[in-house]
Amino acid sequence: MGQTDSQFKAFIRFVLDALREVCEEENPEKRQAKMDRILDNLQKTLED
């Protein structure tokens, strides 16, 4: 079953928000942890 345009846009908004949060993080270790979490979530989404 595919996604509607609205569902896809909501997913993109989620990803953009998460990436913006990473960009705002000043602590390099926390920034890397957040980026790793995003990448892991995206990978899991592809595998589902």
N, C-alpha and C. Protein backbone atom coordinates (compact mmCIF):
# COMPACT_ATOMS: atom_id res chain seq x y z
N MET A 1 0.84 -1.17 0.00
CA MET A 1 0.00 0.00 0.00
C MET A 1 0.89 1.24 0.00
N GLY A 2 0.61 2.19 -0.87
CA GLY A 2 1.41 3.39 -1.00
C GLY A 2 0.96 4.50 -0.07
N GLN A 3 1.70 5.58 -0.13
CA GLN A 3 1.40 6.75 0.67
C GLN A 3 0.67 7.78 -0.16
N THR A 4 -0.12 8.57 0.53
CA THR A 4 -0.71 9.71 -0.15
C THR A 4 0.33 10.83 -0.16
N ASP A 5 0.09 11.84 -0.97
CA ASP A 5 1.00 12.99 -0.99
C ASP A 5 1.09 13.64 0.39
N SER A 6 -0.03 13.74 1.08
CA SER A 6 -0.05 14.35 2.41
C SER A 6 0.78 13.55 3.40
N GLN A 7 0.71 12.23 3.33
CA GLN A 7 1.50 11.40 4.23
C GLN A 7 2.99 11.54 3.94
N PHE A 8 3.33 11.59 2.67
CA PHE A 8 4.73 11.74 2.29
C PHE A 8 5.27 13.09 2.75
N LYS A 9 4.48 14.15 2.57
CA LYS A 9 4.90 15.48 3.00
C LYS A 9 5.08 15.53 4.52
N ALA A 10 4.22 14.86 5.25
CA ALA A 10 4.35 14.80 6.71
C ALA A 10 5.65 14.11 7.10
N PHE A 11 5.99 13.04 6.40
CA PHE A 11 7.24 12.34 6.66
C PHE A 11 8.45 13.25 6.39
N ILE A 12 8.40 13.97 5.28
CA ILE A 12 9.49 14.89 4.94
C ILE A 12 9.62 15.99 5.99
N ARG A 13 8.48 16.51 6.46
CA ARG A 13 8.52 17.53 7.52
C ARG A 13 9.19 16.99 8.78
N PHE A 14 8.88 15.74 9.13
CA PHE A 14 9.50 15.10 10.28
C PHE A 14 11.02 15.03 10.11
N VAL A 15 11.46 14.59 8.94
CA VAL A 15 12.89 14.46 8.68
C VAL A 15 13.57 15.82 8.72
N LEU A 16 12.97 16.82 8.09
CA LEU A 16 13.54 18.17 8.10
C LEU A 16 13.66 18.72 9.52
N ASP A 17 12.63 18.51 10.32
CA ASP A 17 12.65 18.99 11.70
C ASP A 17 13.78 18.31 12.49
N ALA A 18 13.93 17.02 12.30
CA ALA A 18 14.98 16.28 13.00
C ALA A 18 16.36 16.76 12.56
N LEU A 19 16.54 17.01 11.27
CA LEU A 19 17.84 17.48 10.77
C LEU A 19 18.15 18.90 11.25
N ARG A 20 17.12 19.73 11.31
CA ARG A 20 17.33 21.09 11.83
C ARG A 20 17.76 21.05 13.29
N GLU A 21 17.17 20.13 14.05
CA GLU A 21 17.54 19.99 15.45
C GLU A 21 19.01 19.59 15.57
N VAL A 22 19.45 18.70 14.69
CA VAL A 22 20.86 18.28 14.69
C VAL A 22 21.76 19.47 14.38
N CYS A 23 21.38 20.27 13.40
CA CYS A 23 22.20 21.43 13.02
C CYS A 23 22.33 22.44 14.15
N GLU A 24 21.31 22.54 14.99
CA GLU A 24 21.33 23.50 16.09
C GLU A 24 22.13 23.01 17.30
N GLU A 25 22.41 21.72 17.36
CA GLU A 25 23.13 21.15 18.49
C GLU A 25 24.60 21.58 18.44
N GLU A 26 25.06 22.18 19.52
CA GLU A 26 26.45 22.66 19.57
C GLU A 26 27.43 21.60 20.06
N ASN A 27 26.95 20.71 20.90
CA ASN A 27 27.81 19.66 21.45
C ASN A 27 28.03 18.59 20.37
N PRO A 28 29.29 18.39 19.94
CA PRO A 28 29.56 17.43 18.86
C PRO A 28 29.11 16.00 19.18
N GLU A 29 29.25 15.58 20.42
CA GLU A 29 28.86 14.22 20.78
C GLU A 29 27.34 14.06 20.71
N LYS A 30 26.61 15.05 21.21
CA LYS A 30 25.15 15.00 21.15
C LYS A 30 24.68 15.10 19.70
N ARG A 31 25.35 15.96 18.92
CA ARG A 31 24.99 16.12 17.51
C ARG A 31 25.15 14.79 16.78
N GLN A 32 26.25 14.10 17.04
CA GLN A 32 26.48 12.81 16.38
C GLN A 32 25.46 11.77 16.83
N ALA A 33 25.13 11.77 18.11
CA ALA A 33 24.13 10.82 18.61
C ALA A 33 22.78 11.06 17.96
N LYS A 34 22.40 12.32 17.81
CA LYS A 34 21.12 12.64 17.17
C LYS A 34 21.13 12.23 15.70
N MET A 35 22.25 12.49 15.02
CA MET A 35 22.35 12.11 13.61
C MET A 35 22.30 10.59 13.46
N ASP A 36 22.98 9.88 14.35
CA ASP A 36 22.94 8.41 14.30
C ASP A 36 21.51 7.90 14.50
N ARG A 37 20.75 8.53 15.40
CA ARG A 37 19.37 8.13 15.65
C ARG A 37 18.51 8.35 14.40
N ILE A 38 18.69 9.49 13.75
CA ILE A 38 17.95 9.78 12.52
C ILE A 38 18.27 8.76 11.44
N LEU A 39 19.55 8.50 11.24
CA LEU A 39 19.97 7.54 10.23
C LEU A 39 19.43 6.14 10.53
N ASP A 40 19.46 5.75 11.79
CA ASP A 40 18.94 4.45 12.17
C ASP A 40 17.44 4.36 11.90
N ASN A 41 16.71 5.42 12.24
CA ASN A 41 15.27 5.43 11.99
C ASN A 41 14.95 5.37 10.51
N LEU A 42 15.71 6.11 9.69
CA LEU A 42 15.49 6.07 8.25
C LEU A 42 15.78 4.68 7.68
N GLN A 43 16.85 4.05 8.16
CA GLN A 43 17.18 2.70 7.70
C GLN A 43 16.08 1.73 8.07
N LYS A 44 15.57 1.81 9.29
CA LYS A 44 14.48 0.93 9.72
C LYS A 44 13.24 1.15 8.86
N THR A 45 12.98 2.40 8.49
CA THR A 45 11.83 2.71 7.65
C THR A 45 11.97 2.02 6.29
N LEU A 46 13.17 2.02 5.74
CA LEU A 46 13.40 1.36 4.46
C LEU A 46 13.22 -0.15 4.56
N GLU A 47 13.55 -0.72 5.70
CA GLU A 47 13.49 -2.17 5.87
C GLU A 47 12.09 -2.68 6.19
N ASP A 48 11.21 -1.79 6.62
CA ASP A 48 9.83 -2.20 6.97
C ASP A 48 9.02 -2.54 5.74
